[in-house]
């Protein structure tokens, strides 16, 4: 089973959280009254950020799709991760990192600001990597590396104007893999000091890197690029990153997910999820879903 979010068609079909049985192709949809592009999959169920006309909500659902609880919240979150009794949350819309205590039902926030710049940042990703909480700011070209879950003490790591976007990392967490929208790069970072170890650019500036994923070992990094509509497998075993293979995808490939020796791609513009072999990127099958967006973040 794979869980993902979808914007659905004009009539609302497939709008919400979609469960896809990759063995049978059967679909079920948990309809939501609003926009959702972040869902966290846990042993107990699903946690989603939902933007409704009346405001933003965090909702908890059981594994069979029943609403367990919900609460109003100030921000709409586009990425999140379960971290013990806490939720780590990133708001792209408001440029805010948040920690929500599931135990105490309280929030801690940090709004991204940058000296010499007006407005707020765009927090695109957050996770605990190698013991520290790391978030990616897409507007200010910075990583925020927090000392702990209070979000009070942090260092920033600066990048040139390349629009850093999302991260992935292997089981060892000794490296982190970062992609960028303007330069369409894969960047390998050391998670102890966040210095750049390797980097490779895959497409010109007319395209836009979107999803990134990695094999458990970190030997292969995957990236999809909108505009070019292409999926790449990058060899990370040598001194330099190298392209192993690549393949054309449907329109607007947006997110990637590795499962059962395959890599899945949400192709929003083609209304389908595509499946490829992780080694060769040979096409395997596709599943019709109206405007699929992001895969569930698993814990």
C-alpha atoms as a PDB file:
ATOM      1  CA  UNK A   1       0.000   0.000   0.000  1.00  0.00           C
ATOM      2  CA  UNK A   2       1.132   3.514  -0.873  1.00  0.00           C
ATOM      3  CA  UNK A   3      -0.493   6.656   0.539  1.00  0.00           C
ATOM      4  CA  UNK A   4      -0.381  10.001  -1.262  1.00  0.00           C
ATOM      5  CA  UNK A   5      -2.149  13.345  -1.501  1.00  0.00           C
ATOM      6  CA  UNK A   6      -4.077  14.475  -4.558  1.00  0.00           C
ATOM      7  CA  UNK A   7      -5.780  17.675  -5.677  1.00  0.00           C
ATOM      8  CA  UNK A   8      -8.425  15.668  -7.597  1.00  0.00           C
ATOM      9  CA  UNK A   9     -10.469  16.684 -10.631  1.00  0.00           C
ATOM     10  CA  UNK A  10     -12.908  19.583 -11.030  1.00  0.00           C
ATOM     11  CA  UNK A  11     -15.668  17.521  -9.397  1.00  0.00           C
ATOM     12  CA  UNK A  12     -13.505  16.669  -6.399  1.00  0.00           C
ATOM     13  CA  UNK A  13     -12.792  13.044  -7.335  1.00  0.00           C
ATOM     14  CA  UNK A  14      -9.575  11.812  -5.701  1.00  0.00           C
ATOM     15  CA  UNK A  15      -9.234  15.096  -3.763  1.00  0.00           C
ATOM     16  CA  UNK A  16      -7.676  14.350  -0.418  1.00  0.00           C
ATOM     17  CA  UNK A  17      -5.642  11.359   0.737  1.00  0.00           C
ATOM     18  CA  UNK A  18      -5.453   8.427  -1.672  1.00  0.00           C
ATOM     19  CA  UNK A  19      -4.480   4.878  -0.725  1.00  0.00           C
ATOM     20  CA  UNK A  20      -3.113   2.830  -3.619  1.00  0.00           C
ATOM     21  CA  UNK A  21      -2.735  -0.947  -3.510  1.00  0.00           C
ATOM     22  CA  UNK A  22       0.268  -1.407  -5.812  1.00  0.00           C
ATOM     23  CA  UNK A  23      -0.405  -5.149  -6.117  1.00  0.00           C
ATOM     24  CA  UNK A  24      -3.996  -4.870  -7.334  1.00  0.00           C
ATOM     25  CA  UNK A  25      -4.178  -1.246  -8.512  1.00  0.00           C
ATOM     26  CA  UNK A  26      -7.215  -0.615  -6.283  1.00  0.00           C
ATOM     27  CA  UNK A  27      -7.735   2.938  -5.024  1.00  0.00           C
ATOM     28  CA  UNK A  28      -9.560   4.403  -2.070  1.00  0.00           C
ATOM     29  CA  UNK A  29      -9.834   8.107  -1.279  1.00  0.00           C
ATOM     30  CA  UNK A  30     -10.309   9.904   2.011  1.00  0.00           C
ATOM     31  CA  UNK A  31     -12.092  13.062   0.825  1.00  0.00           C
ATOM     32  CA  UNK A  32     -10.998  16.279   2.498  1.00  0.00           C
ATOM     33  CA  UNK A  33     -12.730  19.642   2.640  1.00  0.00           C
ATOM     34  CA  UNK A  34      -9.687  21.641   1.600  1.00  0.00           C
ATOM     35  CA  UNK A  35      -6.144  21.574   0.299  1.00  0.00           C
ATOM     36  CA  UNK A  36      -3.672  19.002   1.604  1.00  0.00           C
ATOM     37  CA  UNK A  37      -0.172  18.297   0.339  1.00  0.00           C
ATOM     38  CA  UNK A  38       1.342  16.901   3.537  1.00  0.00           C
ATOM     39  CA  UNK A  39       0.397  13.614   5.163  1.00  0.00           C
ATOM     40  CA  UNK A  40       2.516  11.677   7.660  1.00  0.00           C
ATOM     41  CA  UNK A  41       2.023   7.909   7.837  1.00  0.00           C
ATOM     42  CA  UNK A  42       2.545   6.326  11.270  1.00  0.00           C
ATOM     43  CA  UNK A  43       1.793   2.927  12.794  1.00  0.00           C
ATOM     44  CA  UNK A  44      -1.380   4.335  14.345  1.00  0.00           C
ATOM     45  CA  UNK A  45      -2.687   6.190  11.297  1.00  0.00           C
ATOM     46  CA  UNK A  46      -2.285   9.391   9.302  1.00  0.00           C
ATOM     47  CA  UNK A  47      -1.554  12.989  10.274  1.00  0.00           C
ATOM     48  CA  UNK A  48      -2.467  15.675   7.744  1.00  0.00           C
ATOM     49  CA  UNK A  49      -2.254  19.442   7.418  1.00  0.00           C
ATOM     50  CA  UNK A  50      -5.421  20.778   5.775  1.00  0.00           C
ATOM     51  CA  UNK A  51      -6.133  24.288   4.515  1.00  0.00           C
ATOM     52  CA  UNK A  52      -9.863  24.982   4.561  1.00  0.00           C
ATOM     53  CA  UNK A  53     -11.736  28.205   3.815  1.00  0.00           C
ATOM     54  CA  UNK A  54     -12.325  28.650   7.540  1.00  0.00           C
ATOM     55  CA  UNK A  55      -8.633  28.172   8.436  1.00  0.00           C
ATOM     56  CA  UNK A  56      -5.868  25.624   8.892  1.00  0.00           C
ATOM     57  CA  UNK A  57      -6.140  22.307  10.712  1.00  0.00           C
ATOM     58  CA  UNK A  58      -3.995  19.422  11.860  1.00  0.00           C
ATOM     59  CA  UNK A  59      -6.033  16.232  11.605  1.00  0.00           C
ATOM     60  CA  UNK A  60      -5.311  12.723  12.887  1.00  0.00           C
ATOM     61  CA  UNK A  61      -6.964   9.771  11.149  1.00  0.00           C
ATOM     62  CA  UNK A  62      -6.997   6.082  12.047  1.00  0.00           C
ATOM     63  CA  UNK A  63      -5.642   3.514   9.571  1.00  0.00           C
ATOM     64  CA  UNK A  64      -9.182   2.924   8.288  1.00  0.00           C
ATOM     65  CA  UNK A  65      -9.704   6.637   7.579  1.00  0.00           C
ATOM     66  CA  UNK A  66     -11.804   7.636  10.586  1.00  0.00           C
ATOM     67  CA  UNK A  67     -11.158  11.082  12.043  1.00  0.00           C
ATOM     68  CA  UNK A  68      -9.603  10.657  15.504  1.00  0.00           C
ATOM     69  CA  UNK A  69      -9.004  14.308  16.355  1.00  0.00           C
ATOM     70  CA  UNK A  70      -8.322  17.681  14.808  1.00  0.00           C
ATOM     71  CA  UNK A  71      -7.234  21.070  15.983  1.00  0.00           C
ATOM     72  CA  UNK A  72      -7.088  24.523  14.475  1.00  0.00           C
ATOM     73  CA  UNK A  73      -3.618  25.909  13.902  1.00  0.00           C
ATOM     74  CA  UNK A  74      -2.089  29.148  12.719  1.00  0.00           C
ATOM     75  CA  UNK A  75      -0.121  27.795   9.769  1.00  0.00           C
ATOM     76  CA  UNK A  76      -0.595  25.522   6.765  1.00  0.00           C
ATOM     77  CA  UNK A  77       2.202  22.959   6.587  1.00  0.00           C
ATOM     78  CA  UNK A  78       3.699  21.447   3.452  1.00  0.00           C
ATOM     79  CA  UNK A  79       6.137  19.003   5.102  1.00  0.00           C
ATOM     80  CA  UNK A  80       6.325  17.195   8.421  1.00  0.00           C
ATOM     81  CA  UNK A  81       7.820  14.311  10.346  1.00  0.00           C
ATOM     82  CA  UNK A  82       6.896  12.432  13.500  1.00  0.00           C
ATOM     83  CA  UNK A  83       9.758  12.728  16.016  1.00  0.00           C
ATOM     84  CA  UNK A  84       8.958  10.782  19.161  1.00  0.00           C
ATOM     85  CA  UNK A  85       6.076  12.620  20.857  1.00  0.00           C
ATOM     86  CA  UNK A  86       6.557  15.653  18.606  1.00  0.00           C
ATOM     87  CA  UNK A  87       5.621  16.659  15.092  1.00  0.00           C
ATOM     88  CA  UNK A  88       8.271  18.575  13.157  1.00  0.00           C
ATOM     89  CA  UNK A  89       6.457  20.841  10.699  1.00  0.00           C
ATOM     90  CA  UNK A  90       7.510  23.187   7.867  1.00  0.00           C
ATOM     91  CA  UNK A  91       5.248  25.886   6.432  1.00  0.00           C
ATOM     92  CA  UNK A  92       6.235  26.906   2.912  1.00  0.00           C
ATOM     93  CA  UNK A  93       3.409  29.430   2.807  1.00  0.00           C
ATOM     94  CA  UNK A  94       4.471  31.316   5.952  1.00  0.00           C
ATOM     95  CA  UNK A  95       8.200  30.536   6.230  1.00  0.00           C
ATOM     96  CA  UNK A  96       7.784  28.952   9.652  1.00  0.00           C
ATOM     97  CA  UNK A  97       9.256  25.880  11.346  1.00  0.00           C
ATOM     98  CA  UNK A  98       7.119  24.420  14.120  1.00  0.00           C
ATOM     99  CA  UNK A  99       7.315  21.684  16.717  1.00  0.00           C
ATOM    100  CA  UNK A 100       3.973  20.399  17.958  1.00  0.00           C
ATOM    101  CA  UNK A 101       3.869  18.299  21.110  1.00  0.00           C
ATOM    102  CA  UNK A 102       1.318  15.515  20.678  1.00  0.00           C
ATOM    103  CA  UNK A 103       1.526  14.954  24.416  1.00  0.00           C
ATOM    104  CA  UNK A 104       1.076  18.530  25.663  1.00  0.00           C
ATOM    105  CA  UNK A 105      -0.883  19.826  22.620  1.00  0.00           C
ATOM    106  CA  UNK A 106       1.379  22.882  22.402  1.00  0.00           C
ATOM    107  CA  UNK A 107       3.329  24.551  19.575  1.00  0.00           C
ATOM    108  CA  UNK A 108       6.782  26.090  19.355  1.00  0.00           C
ATOM    109  CA  UNK A 109       7.551  28.210  16.257  1.00  0.00           C
ATOM    110  CA  UNK A 110      10.482  29.834  14.507  1.00  0.00           C
ATOM    111  CA  UNK A 111       9.777  32.210  11.625  1.00  0.00           C
ATOM    112  CA  UNK A 112      12.513  32.429   9.001  1.00  0.00           C
ATOM    113  CA  UNK A 113      14.005  35.895   8.651  1.00  0.00           C
ATOM    114  CA  UNK A 114      17.058  37.004   6.712  1.00  0.00           C
ATOM    115  CA  UNK A 115      19.103  40.136   7.405  1.00  0.00           C
ATOM    116  CA  UNK A 116      18.775  42.598   4.547  1.00  0.00           C
ATOM    117  CA  UNK A 117      15.619  40.916   3.185  1.00  0.00           C
ATOM    118  CA  UNK A 118      11.986  41.833   3.710  1.00  0.00           C
ATOM    119  CA  UNK A 119       9.163  39.401   4.267  1.00  0.00           C
ATOM    120  CA  UNK A 120       9.373  35.803   5.385  1.00  0.00           C
ATOM    121  CA  UNK A 121      11.146  32.772   4.038  1.00  0.00           C
ATOM    122  CA  UNK A 122       9.669  29.577   2.567  1.00  0.00           C
ATOM    123  CA  UNK A 123      10.314  26.552   4.748  1.00  0.00           C
ATOM    124  CA  UNK A 124      10.134  23.568   2.387  1.00  0.00           C
ATOM    125  CA  UNK A 125      11.478  20.609   4.420  1.00  0.00           C
ATOM    126  CA  UNK A 126      12.184  19.609   8.017  1.00  0.00           C
ATOM    127  CA  UNK A 127      13.564  16.468   9.636  1.00  0.00           C
ATOM    128  CA  UNK A 128      15.852  15.176  12.359  1.00  0.00           C
ATOM    129  CA  UNK A 129      19.145  14.187  10.772  1.00  0.00           C
ATOM    130  CA  UNK A 130      22.124  12.913  12.750  1.00  0.00           C
ATOM    131  CA  UNK A 131      20.595  14.123  16.017  1.00  0.00           C
ATOM    132  CA  UNK A 132      19.779  17.685  14.935  1.00  0.00           C
ATOM    133  CA  UNK A 133      16.656  19.184  13.374  1.00  0.00           C
ATOM    134  CA  UNK A 134      17.306  20.529   9.886  1.00  0.00           C
ATOM    135  CA  UNK A 135      15.010  22.629   7.705  1.00  0.00           C
ATOM    136  CA  UNK A 136      15.411  23.965   4.164  1.00  0.00           C
ATOM    137  CA  UNK A 137      14.455  27.544   3.287  1.00  0.00           C
ATOM    138  CA  UNK A 138      13.599  27.856  -0.404  1.00  0.00           C
ATOM    139  CA  UNK A 139      13.528  31.685  -0.414  1.00  0.00           C
ATOM    140  CA  UNK A 140      16.606  32.598   1.596  1.00  0.00           C
ATOM    141  CA  UNK A 141      18.849  29.763   0.299  1.00  0.00           C
ATOM    142  CA  UNK A 142      19.589  28.594   3.834  1.00  0.00           C
ATOM    143  CA  UNK A 143      19.567  25.485   5.946  1.00  0.00           C
ATOM    144  CA  UNK A 144      18.478  25.985   9.539  1.00  0.00           C
ATOM    145  CA  UNK A 145      20.267  23.481  11.790  1.00  0.00           C
ATOM    146  CA  UNK A 146      18.575  23.494  15.201  1.00  0.00           C
ATOM    147  CA  UNK A 147      20.306  22.293  18.347  1.00  0.00           C
ATOM    148  CA  UNK A 148      17.094  20.803  19.772  1.00  0.00           C
ATOM    149  CA  UNK A 149      13.307  20.794  19.495  1.00  0.00           C
ATOM    150  CA  UNK A 150      12.889  24.149  21.243  1.00  0.00           C
ATOM    151  CA  UNK A 151      13.931  25.761  17.904  1.00  0.00           C
ATOM    152  CA  UNK A 152      15.633  28.456  19.985  1.00  0.00           C
ATOM    153  CA  UNK A 153      19.264  27.794  19.111  1.00  0.00           C
ATOM    154  CA  UNK A 154      20.334  27.232  15.526  1.00  0.00           C
ATOM    155  CA  UNK A 155      22.977  27.862  12.921  1.00  0.00           C
ATOM    156  CA  UNK A 156      22.359  28.717   9.274  1.00  0.00           C
ATOM    157  CA  UNK A 157      24.185  27.278   6.270  1.00  0.00           C
ATOM    158  CA  UNK A 158      24.098  29.576   3.254  1.00  0.00           C
ATOM    159  CA  UNK A 159      23.892  28.670  -0.436  1.00  0.00           C
ATOM    160  CA  UNK A 160      24.089  30.724  -3.603  1.00  0.00           C
ATOM    161  CA  UNK A 161      20.865  31.717  -5.383  1.00  0.00           C
ATOM    162  CA  UNK A 162      19.864  28.227  -6.584  1.00  0.00           C
ATOM    163  CA  UNK A 163      16.529  27.720  -4.750  1.00  0.00           C
ATOM    164  CA  UNK A 164      17.341  24.732  -2.561  1.00  0.00           C
ATOM    165  CA  UNK A 165      14.212  22.604  -2.166  1.00  0.00           C
ATOM    166  CA  UNK A 166      14.099  19.179  -0.476  1.00  0.00           C
ATOM    167  CA  UNK A 167      16.381  16.656   1.198  1.00  0.00           C
ATOM    168  CA  UNK A 168      16.832  12.905   1.432  1.00  0.00           C
ATOM    169  CA  UNK A 169      19.372  10.825   3.323  1.00  0.00           C
ATOM    170  CA  UNK A 170      20.479   7.182   3.697  1.00  0.00           C
ATOM    171  CA  UNK A 171      19.987   4.999   6.761  1.00  0.00           C
ATOM    172  CA  UNK A 172      23.432   5.928   8.123  1.00  0.00           C
ATOM    173  CA  UNK A 173      22.528   9.672   8.135  1.00  0.00           C
ATOM    174  CA  UNK A 174      26.222  10.506   7.515  1.00  0.00           C
ATOM    175  CA  UNK A 175      25.211  12.331   4.338  1.00  0.00           C
ATOM    176  CA  UNK A 176      22.231  14.378   3.237  1.00  0.00           C
ATOM    177  CA  UNK A 177      21.140  14.905  -0.364  1.00  0.00           C
ATOM    178  CA  UNK A 178      19.751  18.294  -1.349  1.00  0.00           C
ATOM    179  CA  UNK A 179      18.198  19.349  -4.658  1.00  0.00           C
ATOM    180  CA  UNK A 180      17.817  22.825  -6.165  1.00  0.00           C
ATOM    181  CA  UNK A 181      15.203  24.329  -8.471  1.00  0.00           C
ATOM    182  CA  UNK A 182      17.256  26.890 -10.417  1.00  0.00           C
ATOM    183  CA  UNK A 183      20.464  24.950 -11.008  1.00  0.00           C
ATOM    184  CA  UNK A 184      18.739  21.524 -11.013  1.00  0.00           C
ATOM    185  CA  UNK A 185      21.471  20.058  -8.860  1.00  0.00           C
ATOM    186  CA  UNK A 186      21.975  17.154  -6.525  1.00  0.00           C
ATOM    187  CA  UNK A 187      24.222  18.252  -3.666  1.00  0.00           C
ATOM    188  CA  UNK A 188      25.785  15.804  -1.198  1.00  0.00           C
ATOM    189  CA  UNK A 189      26.325  17.292   2.265  1.00  0.00           C
ATOM    190  CA  UNK A 190      28.244  16.075   5.294  1.00  0.00           C
ATOM    191  CA  UNK A 191      25.696  16.012   8.147  1.00  0.00           C
ATOM    192  CA  UNK A 192      28.315  16.820  10.793  1.00  0.00           C
ATOM    193  CA  UNK A 193      29.295  20.241   9.410  1.00  0.00           C
ATOM    194  CA  UNK A 194      27.010  20.593   6.343  1.00  0.00           C
ATOM    195  CA  UNK A 195      29.914  21.218   4.004  1.00  0.00           C
ATOM    196  CA  UNK A 196      29.424  20.242   0.360  1.00  0.00           C
ATOM    197  CA  UNK A 197      31.106  16.958  -0.557  1.00  0.00           C
ATOM    198  CA  UNK A 198      29.878  16.541  -4.156  1.00  0.00           C
ATOM    199  CA  UNK A 199      27.435  18.139  -6.570  1.00  0.00           C
ATOM    200  CA  UNK A 200      26.106  17.625 -10.087  1.00  0.00           C
ATOM    201  CA  UNK A 201      23.805  19.699 -12.319  1.00  0.00           C
ATOM    202  CA  UNK A 202      21.288  17.795 -14.441  1.00  0.00           C
ATOM    203  CA  UNK A 203      19.313  20.289 -16.557  1.00  0.00           C
ATOM    204  CA  UNK A 204      19.223  23.922 -17.654  1.00  0.00           C
ATOM    205  CA  UNK A 205      17.391  26.747 -15.891  1.00  0.00           C
ATOM    206  CA  UNK A 206      14.265  26.342 -18.033  1.00  0.00           C
ATOM    207  CA  UNK A 207      13.481  23.240 -15.985  1.00  0.00           C
ATOM    208  CA  UNK A 208      12.821  22.857 -12.276  1.00  0.00           C
ATOM    209  CA  UNK A 209      13.962  20.057  -9.956  1.00  0.00           C
ATOM    210  CA  UNK A 210      11.172  18.757  -7.738  1.00  0.00           C
ATOM    211  CA  UNK A 211      11.323  15.390  -5.956  1.00  0.00           C
ATOM    212  CA  UNK A 212      14.386  13.676  -4.478  1.00  0.00           C
ATOM    213  CA  UNK A 213      14.860  10.237  -2.906  1.00  0.00           C
ATOM    214  CA  UNK A 214      17.688   7.832  -2.128  1.00  0.00           C
ATOM    215  CA  UNK A 215      18.321   4.121  -1.767  1.00  0.00           C
ATOM    216  CA  UNK A 216      18.744   2.874   1.813  1.00  0.00           C
ATOM    217  CA  UNK A 217      22.525   2.638   1.328  1.00  0.00           C
ATOM    218  CA  UNK A 218      22.787   6.046  -0.320  1.00  0.00           C
ATOM    219  CA  UNK A 219      24.615   4.525  -3.290  1.00  0.00           C
ATOM    220  CA  UNK A 220      21.906   5.816  -5.648  1.00  0.00           C
ATOM    221  CA  UNK A 221      20.122   9.167  -5.503  1.00  0.00           C
ATOM    222  CA  UNK A 222      16.969   9.828  -7.535  1.00  0.00           C
ATOM    223  CA  UNK A 223      15.715  13.187  -8.752  1.00  0.00           C
ATOM    224  CA  UNK A 224      12.829  14.234 -11.008  1.00  0.00           C
ATOM    225  CA  UNK A 225      12.753  17.458 -13.000  1.00  0.00           C
ATOM    226  CA  UNK A 226       9.670  19.340 -14.147  1.00  0.00           C
ATOM    227  CA  UNK A 227       9.798  21.044 -17.520  1.00  0.00           C
ATOM    228  CA  UNK A 228      12.209  18.418 -18.746  1.00  0.00           C
ATOM    229  CA  UNK A 229       9.791  15.755 -17.375  1.00  0.00           C
ATOM    230  CA  UNK A 230      12.580  13.346 -16.584  1.00  0.00           C
ATOM    231  CA  UNK A 231      13.659  10.980 -13.805  1.00  0.00           C
ATOM    232  CA  UNK A 232      17.371  10.498 -13.059  1.00  0.00           C
ATOM    233  CA  UNK A 233      19.293   7.875 -11.090  1.00  0.00           C
ATOM    234  CA  UNK A 234      22.619   9.255  -9.804  1.00  0.00           C
ATOM    235  CA  UNK A 235      25.579   7.048  -8.827  1.00  0.00           C
ATOM    236  CA  UNK A 236      26.958   8.158  -5.449  1.00  0.00           C
ATOM    237  CA  UNK A 237      29.646   5.462  -5.023  1.00  0.00           C
ATOM    238  CA  UNK A 238      32.651   7.311  -6.471  1.00  0.00           C
ATOM    239  CA  UNK A 239      34.583  10.513  -5.897  1.00  0.00           C
ATOM    240  CA  UNK A 240      32.155  12.363  -8.173  1.00  0.00           C
ATOM    241  CA  UNK A 241      28.420  12.021  -8.739  1.00  0.00           C
ATOM    242  CA  UNK A 242      27.573  10.414 -12.076  1.00  0.00           C
ATOM    243  CA  UNK A 243      24.346   9.846 -13.997  1.00  0.00           C
ATOM    244  CA  UNK A 244      23.579   6.110 -14.058  1.00  0.00           C
ATOM    245  CA  UNK A 245      20.507   6.375 -16.258  1.00  0.00           C
ATOM    246  CA  UNK A 246      17.480   8.564 -16.906  1.00  0.00           C
ATOM    247  CA  UNK A 247      14.016   8.210 -18.411  1.00  0.00           C
ATOM    248  CA  UNK A 248      11.175  10.435 -19.605  1.00  0.00           C
ATOM    249  CA  UNK A 249       8.147  10.660 -17.298  1.00  0.00           C
ATOM    250  CA  UNK A 250       4.643  12.058 -17.531  1.00  0.00           C
ATOM    251  CA  UNK A 251       3.960  15.781 -17.211  1.00  0.00           C
ATOM    252  CA  UNK A 252       4.993  17.642 -14.054  1.00  0.00           C
ATOM    253  CA  UNK A 253       6.793  14.905 -12.088  1.00  0.00           C
ATOM    254  CA  UNK A 254       6.545  16.212  -8.545  1.00  0.00           C
ATOM    255  CA  UNK A 255       7.452  13.685  -5.859  1.00  0.00           C
ATOM    256  CA  UNK A 256       9.316  10.370  -5.526  1.00  0.00           C
ATOM    257  CA  UNK A 257       8.887   7.341  -3.286  1.00  0.00           C
ATOM    258  CA  UNK A 258      10.928   4.111  -3.090  1.00  0.00           C
ATOM    259  CA  UNK A 259       9.104   0.860  -2.294  1.00  0.00           C
ATOM    260  CA  UNK A 260       9.575  -2.860  -3.059  1.00  0.00           C
ATOM    261  CA  UNK A 261      12.486  -2.326  -5.442  1.00  0.00           C
ATOM    262  CA  UNK A 262      10.591   0.318  -7.417  1.00  0.00           C
ATOM    263  CA  UNK A 263      10.541   4.088  -7.513  1.00  0.00           C
ATOM    264  CA  UNK A 264       7.159   5.792  -7.860  1.00  0.00           C
ATOM    265  CA  UNK A 265       6.602   9.238  -9.408  1.00  0.00           C
ATOM    266  CA  UNK A 266       3.566  11.502  -9.023  1.00  0.00           C
ATOM    267  CA  UNK A 267       2.928  13.039 -12.456  1.00  0.00           C
ATOM    268  CA  UNK A 268       0.479  15.824 -11.619  1.00  0.00           C
ATOM    269  CA  UNK A 269      -0.028  17.033 -15.188  1.00  0.00           C
ATOM    270  CA  UNK A 270      -0.651  13.547 -16.590  1.00  0.00           C
ATOM    271  CA  UNK A 271      -3.035  12.456 -13.795  1.00  0.00           C
ATOM    272  CA  UNK A 272      -1.107   9.351 -12.914  1.00  0.00           C
ATOM    273  CA  UNK A 273       1.474   7.732 -10.665  1.00  0.00           C
ATOM    274  CA  UNK A 274       4.238   5.967 -12.571  1.00  0.00           C
ATOM    275  CA  UNK A 275       6.353   3.027 -11.375  1.00  0.00           C
ATOM    276  CA  UNK A 276       9.951   2.337 -12.442  1.00  0.00           C
ATOM    277  CA  UNK A 277      12.595  -0.239 -11.532  1.00  0.00           C
ATOM    278  CA  UNK A 278      15.070   1.254  -9.045  1.00  0.00           C
ATOM    279  CA  UNK A 279      18.130  -0.215 -10.791  1.00  0.00           C
ATOM    280  CA  UNK A 280      17.441   0.310 -14.493  1.00  0.00           C
ATOM    281  CA  UNK A 281      14.591   2.874 -14.370  1.00  0.00           C
ATOM    282  CA  UNK A 282      12.714   0.561 -16.732  1.00  0.00           C
ATOM    283  CA  UNK A 283       9.027   1.534 -16.829  1.00  0.00           C
ATOM    284  CA  UNK A 284       6.823  -0.996 -14.992  1.00  0.00           C
ATOM    285  CA  UNK A 285       3.268   0.342 -14.774  1.00  0.00           C
ATOM    286  CA  UNK A 286       1.090   3.379 -14.120  1.00  0.00           C
ATOM    287  CA  UNK A 287      -1.952   4.135 -11.971  1.00  0.00           C
ATOM    288  CA  UNK A 288      -4.622   6.689 -12.936  1.00  0.00           C
ATOM    289  CA  UNK A 289      -5.116   9.301 -10.170  1.00  0.00           C
ATOM    290  CA  UNK A 290      -6.403  12.845 -10.703  1.00  0.00           C
ATOM    291  CA  UNK A 291      -3.617  15.365 -10.050  1.00  0.00           C
ATOM    292  CA  UNK A 292      -1.480  13.404  -7.584  1.00  0.00           C
ATOM    293  CA  UNK A 293       0.856  15.579  -5.521  1.00  0.00           C
ATOM    294  CA  UNK A 294       3.028  14.167  -2.729  1.00  0.00           C
ATOM    295  CA  UNK A 295       3.612  10.766  -1.190  1.00  0.00           C
ATOM    296  CA  UNK A 296       3.010  10.215   2.505  1.00  0.00           C
ATOM    297  CA  UNK A 297       6.048  10.767   4.714  1.00  0.00           C
ATOM    298  CA  UNK A 298       6.648   7.456   6.480  1.00  0.00           C
ATOM    299  CA  UNK A 299       7.954   6.973  10.020  1.00  0.00           C
END
